[in-house]
Amino acid sequence: MSRQLKIGISGTRGIPNRYGGFEQCAEYLALGLVAKGHQVYVYNSHSHEYQQDNWRGVHIIHCKDPEDKMGTFGQFIYDRNCFIDARKRNFDVLLQLGYTSSSIWYKLWPRDAVNLVNMDGLEWKRSKYNKYVQQFLKRAERWAAVNADALIADSIGIQQYLQDKYKLPSVFIPYGAEVFDSPDAGVLASYSLVPYSYSLLMARMEPENNIETIIKGYLQAGRQEPLVIIGKTDNKFGQYLVHTYGGNSSILFKGGIYDINIINNLRYYSWLYFHGHSVGGTNPSLLEAMASSALIAANDNVFNRTVLGEDAFYFTGPADIASVIHKLRGKQAYNRFIENNLEKIRSKYTWQGIVDAYEKVFLDTVENRH
């Protein structure tokens, strides 16, 4: 057996996953590393619904997180609290998932641990941020890149960017997914949906996810079947979308759904699945859509094309979406797209392979330090 490591994972709201991509990565990674014999500690927000100190063999450390009272600034305080705790833990490795609110504290990173950072996407490109925040995020990106002991890139595009921008190497490790092969059409009944008679969009309600572009294109195409939109709508942009388009019978906002079985079935039985994400690397929800046999129309950018290749439709504006919908002959006519994407999940994006890759980076960097 390889050396047993004491590993900390920070940068998420915590596990079990109730939030999004980094939390899902932390969950699968922590469980996989524990199964390999490592001690794993995951930092959780004190307000996370799971309040025990151990979850399936993973140690849970709850840290004060004032985001609910202070908004975004509270994330910085939460990260600081995590680092102060980590300095006492004698970790061999501290993996930081993301850098937006953590790299400002690089002088507090535990110096007795190897500090690895998953650089996420190009956060400063997100349109929800004003120019001052974007300038800060560029600086935060640099702090993370130059102070980490090793960098993880979750897409080839991000890996190339880090090389071009900072002349720094990084290890490419994408996210993972599990092939969904137990569909149950009965799950749709509670949502009044019929198999293959609706399209689907899953995303956080943020402008850079092209949700409004997709809605406009869908309405322009004149489809009678609904576009089902999954994602919490309690932020400002979400409320705008509901107010503007929620009265249309073709646009159904279903809020956040976190039961993975329900989500997988909704993807599996969709007629067309829209992936509008335009910022970031390998997106977890895209891999899950591929793994659920969805027929995908994606925003045309290097990150999505790197994953999907020729096995999807692409769009940049509403007219492209309307065009895709008009020419679509039915999901079964594009079974080659679906099968090719399933094979990518089986060969390139398995969670076991990703756990193995992270473990190798951890062991190599610890060995190099010694």
Protein backbone atom coordinates (compact mmCIF):
# COMPACT_ATOMS: atom_id res chain seq x y z
CA MET A 1 0.00 0.00 0.00
CA SER A 2 1.18 3.55 -0.73
CA ARG A 3 1.92 5.99 2.05
CA GLN A 4 -1.10 7.02 4.12
CA LEU A 5 -1.66 10.77 3.98
CA LYS A 6 -3.55 13.19 6.19
CA ILE A 7 -5.50 15.30 3.69
CA GLY A 8 -7.60 18.43 4.17
CA ILE A 9 -10.11 19.68 1.59
CA SER A 10 -11.28 23.29 1.77
CA GLY A 11 -13.05 25.75 -0.51
CA THR A 12 -16.56 24.29 -0.41
CA ARG A 13 -19.65 24.74 1.70
CA GLY A 14 -19.26 21.11 2.67
CA ILE A 15 -20.42 17.55 2.22
CA PRO A 16 -22.65 15.68 1.67
CA ASN A 17 -23.21 17.80 -1.45
CA ARG A 18 -26.20 20.15 -1.34
CA TYR A 19 -24.81 22.91 -3.51
CA GLY A 20 -22.82 22.32 -6.68
CA GLY A 21 -19.75 21.18 -8.58
CA PHE A 22 -16.94 21.70 -6.07
CA GLU A 23 -19.02 20.15 -3.30
CA GLN A 24 -19.66 17.14 -5.51
CA CYS A 25 -15.97 16.87 -6.31
CA ALA A 26 -15.12 17.07 -2.60
CA GLU A 27 -17.67 14.36 -1.81
CA TYR A 28 -16.49 11.81 -4.38
CA LEU A 29 -12.83 12.61 -3.80
CA ALA A 30 -13.07 12.35 -0.01
CA LEU A 31 -14.89 9.02 -0.13
CA GLY A 32 -12.47 7.64 -2.73
CA LEU A 33 -9.40 8.67 -0.76
CA VAL A 34 -10.79 7.20 2.47
CA ALA A 35 -11.36 3.93 0.60
CA LYS A 36 -7.66 4.00 -0.30
CA GLY A 37 -6.69 4.24 3.36
CA HIS A 38 -6.02 7.99 3.71
CA GLN A 39 -7.27 10.22 6.53
CA VAL A 40 -9.49 12.87 4.95
CA TYR A 41 -10.88 16.03 6.56
CA VAL A 42 -13.43 18.20 4.76
CA TYR A 43 -14.26 21.74 5.87
CA ASN A 44 -18.00 22.42 6.17
CA SER A 45 -19.84 25.66 6.78
CA HIS A 46 -21.19 25.72 10.34
CA SER A 47 -24.66 26.16 8.82
CA HIS A 48 -24.49 23.04 6.65
CA GLU A 49 -27.48 20.80 7.33
CA TYR A 50 -25.16 17.88 8.14
CA GLN A 51 -23.95 18.53 11.66
CA GLN A 52 -22.08 15.33 12.56
CA ASP A 53 -18.28 15.21 12.77
CA ASN A 54 -17.93 12.13 10.57
CA TRP A 55 -19.62 11.19 7.30
CA ARG A 56 -18.99 7.73 5.88
CA GLY A 57 -15.45 7.72 7.24
CA VAL A 58 -14.66 11.33 6.26
CA HIS A 59 -13.85 13.69 9.13
CA ILE A 60 -16.01 16.83 9.02
CA ILE A 61 -14.68 20.11 10.43
CA HIS A 62 -17.36 22.78 10.90
CA CYS A 63 -16.06 26.34 10.64
CA LYS A 64 -17.87 29.59 11.29
CA ASP A 65 -19.31 30.90 8.02
CA PRO A 66 -20.97 34.32 8.23
CA GLU A 67 -22.04 34.43 4.57
CA ASP A 68 -25.72 34.22 5.54
CA LYS A 69 -25.34 37.47 7.51
CA MET A 70 -22.61 39.29 5.54
CA GLY A 71 -23.17 38.13 1.97
CA THR A 72 -20.20 37.47 -0.29
CA PHE A 73 -17.70 39.00 2.14
CA GLY A 74 -18.61 36.24 4.58
CA GLN A 75 -16.95 33.71 2.22
CA PHE A 76 -13.60 35.41 2.86
CA ILE A 77 -14.09 35.10 6.62
CA TYR A 78 -15.09 31.44 6.26
CA ASP A 79 -11.94 30.66 4.27
CA ARG A 80 -9.80 32.50 6.81
CA ASN A 81 -11.36 30.47 9.62
CA CYS A 82 -10.64 27.26 7.72
CA PHE A 83 -6.97 28.18 7.22
CA ILE A 84 -6.51 29.11 10.89
CA ASP A 85 -7.87 25.69 11.82
CA ALA A 86 -5.78 23.92 9.16
CA ARG A 87 -2.58 25.33 10.63
CA LYS A 88 -3.21 23.19 13.73
CA ARG A 89 -3.97 19.93 11.93
CA ASN A 90 -0.58 18.77 10.64
CA PHE A 91 -2.00 17.95 7.23
CA ASP A 92 0.31 16.42 4.67
CA VAL A 93 -1.80 18.02 1.94
CA LEU A 94 -4.38 20.80 1.88
CA LEU A 95 -6.40 20.81 -1.33
CA GLN A 96 -8.13 24.11 -2.01
CA LEU A 97 -11.02 23.92 -4.45
CA GLY A 98 -11.07 27.35 -6.08
CA TYR A 99 -9.31 30.56 -5.12
CA THR A 100 -11.76 33.48 -5.33
CA SER A 101 -12.08 34.08 -1.58
CA SER A 102 -9.10 32.08 -0.31
CA SER A 103 -5.94 33.23 -2.08
CA ILE A 104 -5.99 36.61 -0.32
CA TRP A 105 -5.06 34.61 2.80
CA TYR A 106 -2.06 32.85 1.21
CA LYS A 107 0.16 33.94 4.11
CA LEU A 108 -2.12 31.91 6.42
CA TRP A 109 -1.89 28.72 4.38
CA PRO A 110 -0.42 25.94 6.54
CA ARG A 111 3.30 25.90 5.81
CA ASP A 112 3.82 22.35 7.03
CA ALA A 113 1.41 21.06 4.38
CA VAL A 114 1.65 20.84 0.62
CA ASN A 115 -0.85 23.41 -0.67
CA LEU A 116 -2.59 22.42 -3.89
CA VAL A 117 -5.13 24.61 -5.65
CA ASN A 118 -7.74 23.57 -8.20
CA MET A 119 -7.81 26.75 -10.28
CA ASP A 120 -11.44 26.37 -11.40
CA GLY A 121 -12.39 28.57 -14.38
CA LEU A 122 -11.66 32.14 -15.42
CA GLU A 123 -13.66 33.66 -12.57
CA TRP A 124 -12.83 37.24 -13.52
CA LYS A 125 -14.73 36.77 -16.78
CA ARG A 126 -18.06 36.27 -15.06
CA SER A 127 -20.44 39.00 -16.19
CA LYS A 128 -22.13 39.25 -12.79
CA TYR A 129 -19.01 41.00 -11.46
CA ASN A 130 -18.30 44.71 -11.99
CA LYS A 131 -14.90 45.83 -13.26
CA TYR A 132 -13.50 46.36 -9.76
CA VAL A 133 -14.40 42.84 -8.66
CA GLN A 134 -13.02 41.48 -11.93
CA GLN A 135 -9.72 43.29 -11.26
CA PHE A 136 -9.60 41.81 -7.76
CA LEU A 137 -10.27 38.31 -9.13
CA LYS A 138 -7.40 38.65 -11.59
CA ARG A 139 -5.15 39.50 -8.65
CA ALA A 140 -6.60 36.62 -6.59
CA GLU A 141 -5.90 34.25 -9.48
CA ARG A 142 -2.27 35.35 -9.52
CA TRP A 143 -1.90 34.96 -5.74
CA ALA A 144 -3.19 31.41 -5.98
CA ALA A 145 -1.11 30.48 -9.01
CA VAL A 146 2.24 31.74 -7.74
CA ASN A 147 1.88 30.66 -4.09
CA ALA A 148 0.53 27.13 -4.50
CA ASP A 149 2.90 24.17 -4.35
CA ALA A 150 1.04 22.60 -7.29
CA LEU A 151 -1.88 23.55 -9.51
CA ILE A 152 -4.78 21.43 -10.74
CA ALA A 153 -6.55 22.38 -13.99
CA ASP A 154 -9.93 20.77 -14.63
CA SER A 155 -9.77 21.38 -18.38
CA ILE A 156 -7.13 21.47 -21.11
CA GLY A 157 -8.18 25.07 -21.80
CA ILE A 158 -7.40 26.14 -18.23
CA GLN A 159 -4.12 24.21 -18.28
CA GLN A 160 -3.04 26.05 -21.42
CA TYR A 161 -4.14 29.39 -19.95
CA LEU A 162 -2.03 28.86 -16.81
CA GLN A 163 0.98 28.00 -18.94
CA ASP A 164 0.52 31.01 -21.22
CA LYS A 165 -0.33 33.51 -18.48
CA TYR A 166 1.99 32.46 -15.64
CA LYS A 167 4.47 30.08 -17.30
CA LEU A 168 3.42 27.55 -14.66
CA PRO A 169 2.75 23.85 -15.15
CA SER A 170 -0.45 22.29 -13.87
CA VAL A 171 -1.87 18.79 -13.72
CA PHE A 172 -5.00 18.20 -15.80
CA ILE A 173 -7.63 16.37 -13.74
CA PRO A 174 -11.25 16.81 -14.86
CA TYR A 175 -14.40 16.08 -12.91
CA GLY A 176 -16.11 12.71 -13.03
CA ALA A 177 -19.53 11.24 -13.55
CA GLU A 178 -21.24 7.86 -13.29
CA VAL A 179 -23.19 6.40 -16.20
CA PHE A 180 -26.91 6.45 -15.40
CA ASP A 181 -28.43 3.19 -16.60
CA SER A 182 -31.54 2.69 -14.48
CA PRO A 183 -34.15 5.09 -15.91
CA ASP A 184 -37.65 5.21 -14.41
CA ALA A 185 -40.23 7.22 -16.35
CA GLY A 186 -42.49 7.17 -13.29
CA VAL A 187 -40.29 9.84 -11.73
CA LEU A 188 -41.65 12.35 -14.26
CA ALA A 189 -45.24 12.01 -13.12
CA SER A 190 -44.88 14.32 -10.12
CA TYR A 191 -43.64 17.02 -12.49
CA SER A 192 -46.47 16.43 -15.01
CA LEU A 193 -43.94 15.62 -17.72
CA VAL A 194 -44.03 13.01 -20.48
CA PRO A 195 -40.84 11.30 -21.75
CA TYR A 196 -39.16 13.09 -24.65
CA SER A 197 -41.79 15.84 -24.72
CA TYR A 198 -39.82 18.56 -22.92
CA SER A 199 -36.42 20.21 -23.10
CA LEU A 200 -34.26 20.78 -20.06
CA LEU A 201 -31.90 23.41 -18.70
CA MET A 202 -30.04 23.06 -15.40
CA ALA A 203 -27.88 25.91 -14.11
CA ARG A 204 -27.31 28.49 -11.45
CA MET A 205 -29.21 31.64 -12.31
CA GLU A 206 -26.25 33.69 -13.53
CA PRO A 207 -25.96 35.73 -16.76
CA GLU A 208 -22.85 33.88 -18.00
CA ASN A 209 -24.84 30.63 -18.08
CA ASN A 210 -26.81 32.03 -21.04
CA ILE A 211 -30.18 31.16 -19.53
CA GLU A 212 -31.96 34.14 -21.07
CA THR A 213 -30.35 33.41 -24.45
CA ILE A 214 -31.69 29.85 -24.31
CA ILE A 215 -35.16 30.99 -23.26
CA LYS A 216 -35.31 33.54 -26.09
CA GLY A 217 -34.18 30.97 -28.64
CA TYR A 218 -36.69 28.44 -27.37
CA LEU A 219 -39.54 30.93 -27.60
CA GLN A 220 -38.34 32.03 -31.03
CA ALA A 221 -38.55 28.41 -32.21
CA GLY A 222 -42.21 28.27 -31.17
CA ARG A 223 -42.12 24.87 -29.48
CA GLN A 224 -45.34 23.82 -27.78
CA GLU A 225 -43.55 21.41 -25.43
CA PRO A 226 -42.11 23.10 -22.34
CA LEU A 227 -38.56 24.13 -21.53
CA VAL A 228 -38.03 22.95 -17.95
CA ILE A 229 -35.55 25.06 -15.98
CA ILE A 230 -33.97 23.64 -12.83
CA GLY A 231 -32.08 25.93 -10.45
CA LYS A 232 -32.78 28.15 -7.46
CA THR A 233 -34.30 31.46 -8.53
CA ASP A 234 -33.95 33.38 -5.28
CA ASN A 235 -31.16 35.68 -6.47
CA LYS A 236 -31.67 38.95 -8.37
CA PHE A 237 -31.12 37.48 -11.84
CA GLY A 238 -33.30 34.47 -11.06
CA GLN A 239 -36.12 36.74 -9.93
CA TYR A 240 -35.75 38.79 -13.12
CA LEU A 241 -36.04 35.64 -15.26
CA VAL A 242 -39.13 34.41 -13.40
CA HIS A 243 -40.77 37.83 -13.60
CA THR A 244 -39.97 38.21 -17.32
CA TYR A 245 -40.66 34.70 -18.61
CA GLY A 246 -42.47 32.81 -15.86
CA GLY A 247 -45.90 33.70 -17.24
CA ASN A 248 -45.24 31.82 -20.48
CA SER A 249 -46.68 28.31 -20.52
CA SER A 250 -43.66 27.05 -22.50
CA ILE A 251 -41.19 28.06 -19.77
CA LEU A 252 -41.41 26.10 -16.51
CA PHE A 253 -39.23 27.13 -13.56
CA LYS A 254 -38.95 24.19 -11.17
CA GLY A 255 -36.49 25.63 -8.64
CA GLY A 256 -33.60 23.67 -7.18
CA ILE A 257 -33.76 19.86 -7.27
CA TYR A 258 -31.02 17.95 -5.44
CA ASP A 259 -32.18 14.32 -5.60
CA ILE A 260 -29.67 12.84 -8.05
CA ASN A 261 -32.09 10.10 -9.15
CA ILE A 262 -34.75 12.65 -10.09
CA ILE A 263 -32.22 14.84 -11.88
CA ASN A 264 -30.78 11.93 -13.84
CA ASN A 265 -34.22 10.81 -14.96
CA LEU A 266 -35.15 14.33 -16.02
CA ARG A 267 -31.99 14.46 -18.12
CA TYR A 268 -32.48 10.98 -19.54
CA TYR A 269 -36.06 11.59 -20.72
CA SER A 270 -35.48 15.12 -22.05
CA TRP A 271 -35.89 15.74 -25.78
CA LEU A 272 -33.00 18.25 -25.80
CA TYR A 273 -30.69 19.33 -22.98
CA PHE A 274 -29.26 22.86 -23.00
CA HIS A 275 -25.86 23.61 -21.46
CA GLY A 276 -25.25 27.35 -21.49
CA HIS A 277 -22.17 27.63 -19.27
CA SER A 278 -19.58 29.88 -20.88
CA VAL A 279 -17.02 30.43 -18.10
CA GLY A 280 -14.98 27.75 -16.40
CA GLY A 281 -13.40 24.45 -17.17
CA THR A 282 -14.90 20.97 -17.33
CA ASN A 283 -18.40 21.48 -15.95
CA PRO A 284 -19.78 18.71 -13.70
CA SER A 285 -23.37 19.15 -14.84
CA LEU A 286 -22.28 18.72 -18.47
CA LEU A 287 -20.59 15.41 -17.67
CA GLU A 288 -23.68 14.27 -15.77
CA ALA A 289 -25.89 15.15 -18.74
CA MET A 290 -23.62 13.09 -20.99
CA ALA A 291 -23.73 10.24 -18.49
CA SER A 292 -27.55 10.41 -18.47
CA SER A 293 -27.87 9.90 -22.23
CA ALA A 294 -28.97 13.49 -22.89
CA LEU A 295 -28.88 14.98 -26.37
CA ILE A 296 -26.98 18.21 -25.80
CA ALA A 297 -26.99 21.71 -27.26
CA ALA A 298 -24.09 23.66 -25.70
CA ASN A 299 -22.75 27.18 -25.72
CA ASP A 300 -19.96 27.36 -28.28
CA ASN A 301 -16.72 27.82 -26.34
CA VAL A 302 -13.40 26.02 -25.99
CA PHE A 303 -14.32 24.39 -22.67
CA ASN A 304 -17.51 22.76 -23.94
CA ARG A 305 -15.99 21.78 -27.29
CA THR A 306 -13.03 20.15 -25.54
CA VAL A 307 -15.43 17.82 -23.72
CA LEU A 308 -18.14 17.25 -26.33
CA GLY A 309 -16.21 17.43 -29.58
CA GLU A 310 -18.52 16.74 -32.53
CA ASP A 311 -21.13 14.98 -30.41
CA ALA A 312 -23.39 17.95 -29.68
CA PHE A 313 -25.11 20.94 -31.21
CA TYR A 314 -23.64 24.40 -30.51
CA PHE A 315 -25.08 27.88 -30.18
CA THR A 316 -23.97 31.43 -29.53
CA GLY A 317 -27.28 33.30 -29.73
CA PRO A 318 -31.07 32.78 -29.78
CA ALA A 319 -31.15 32.33 -33.56
CA ASP A 320 -28.75 29.38 -33.32
CA ILE A 321 -30.98 27.72 -30.73
CA ALA A 322 -34.08 28.20 -32.86
CA SER A 323 -32.20 26.73 -35.83
CA VAL A 324 -31.13 23.65 -33.85
CA ILE A 325 -34.69 23.07 -32.65
CA HIS A 326 -36.17 23.45 -36.15
CA LYS A 327 -33.79 20.94 -37.74
CA LEU A 328 -33.90 18.37 -34.91
CA ARG A 329 -35.45 15.14 -36.18
CA GLY A 330 -35.96 13.48 -32.81
CA LYS A 331 -33.58 12.26 -30.14
CA GLN A 332 -33.27 8.71 -31.52
CA ALA A 333 -31.84 10.06 -34.79
CA TYR A 334 -28.76 11.24 -32.91
CA ASN A 335 -28.01 8.07 -30.97
CA ARG A 336 -24.40 8.21 -32.19
CA PHE A 337 -23.90 11.50 -30.27
CA ILE A 338 -25.32 9.90 -27.14
CA GLU A 339 -23.28 6.70 -27.38
CA ASN A 340 -20.05 8.59 -28.08
CA ASN A 341 -20.60 10.79 -25.03
CA LEU A 342 -21.35 7.76 -22.84
CA GLU A 343 -18.07 6.21 -23.97
CA LYS A 344 -16.21 9.39 -22.97
CA ILE A 345 -17.65 9.09 -19.47
CA ARG A 346 -16.61 5.44 -19.25
CA SER A 347 -13.09 6.05 -20.52
CA LYS A 348 -12.08 9.60 -19.50
CA TYR A 349 -14.33 10.86 -16.73
CA THR A 350 -14.68 8.04 -14.19
CA TRP A 351 -14.58 9.07 -10.55
CA GLN A 352 -12.21 6.22 -9.76
CA GLY A 353 -9.76 7.50 -12.36
CA ILE A 354 -10.03 11.01 -10.96
CA VAL A 355 -9.47 9.84 -7.38
CA ASP A 356 -6.40 7.91 -8.58
CA ALA A 357 -5.09 11.00 -10.37
CA TYR A 358 -5.52 13.23 -7.31
CA GLU A 359 -3.85 10.63 -5.09
CA LYS A 360 -0.86 10.49 -7.44
CA VAL A 361 -0.47 14.29 -7.34
CA PHE A 362 -0.72 14.27 -3.54
CA LEU A 363 1.87 11.51 -3.14
CA ASP A 364 4.24 13.02 -5.72
CA THR A 365 4.14 16.53 -4.26
CA VAL A 366 4.61 15.27 -0.69
CA GLU A 367 7.52 13.11 -1.84
CA ASN A 368 9.09 16.02 -3.73
CA ARG A 369 8.85 18.26 -0.69
CA HIS A 370 10.66 15.70 1.45
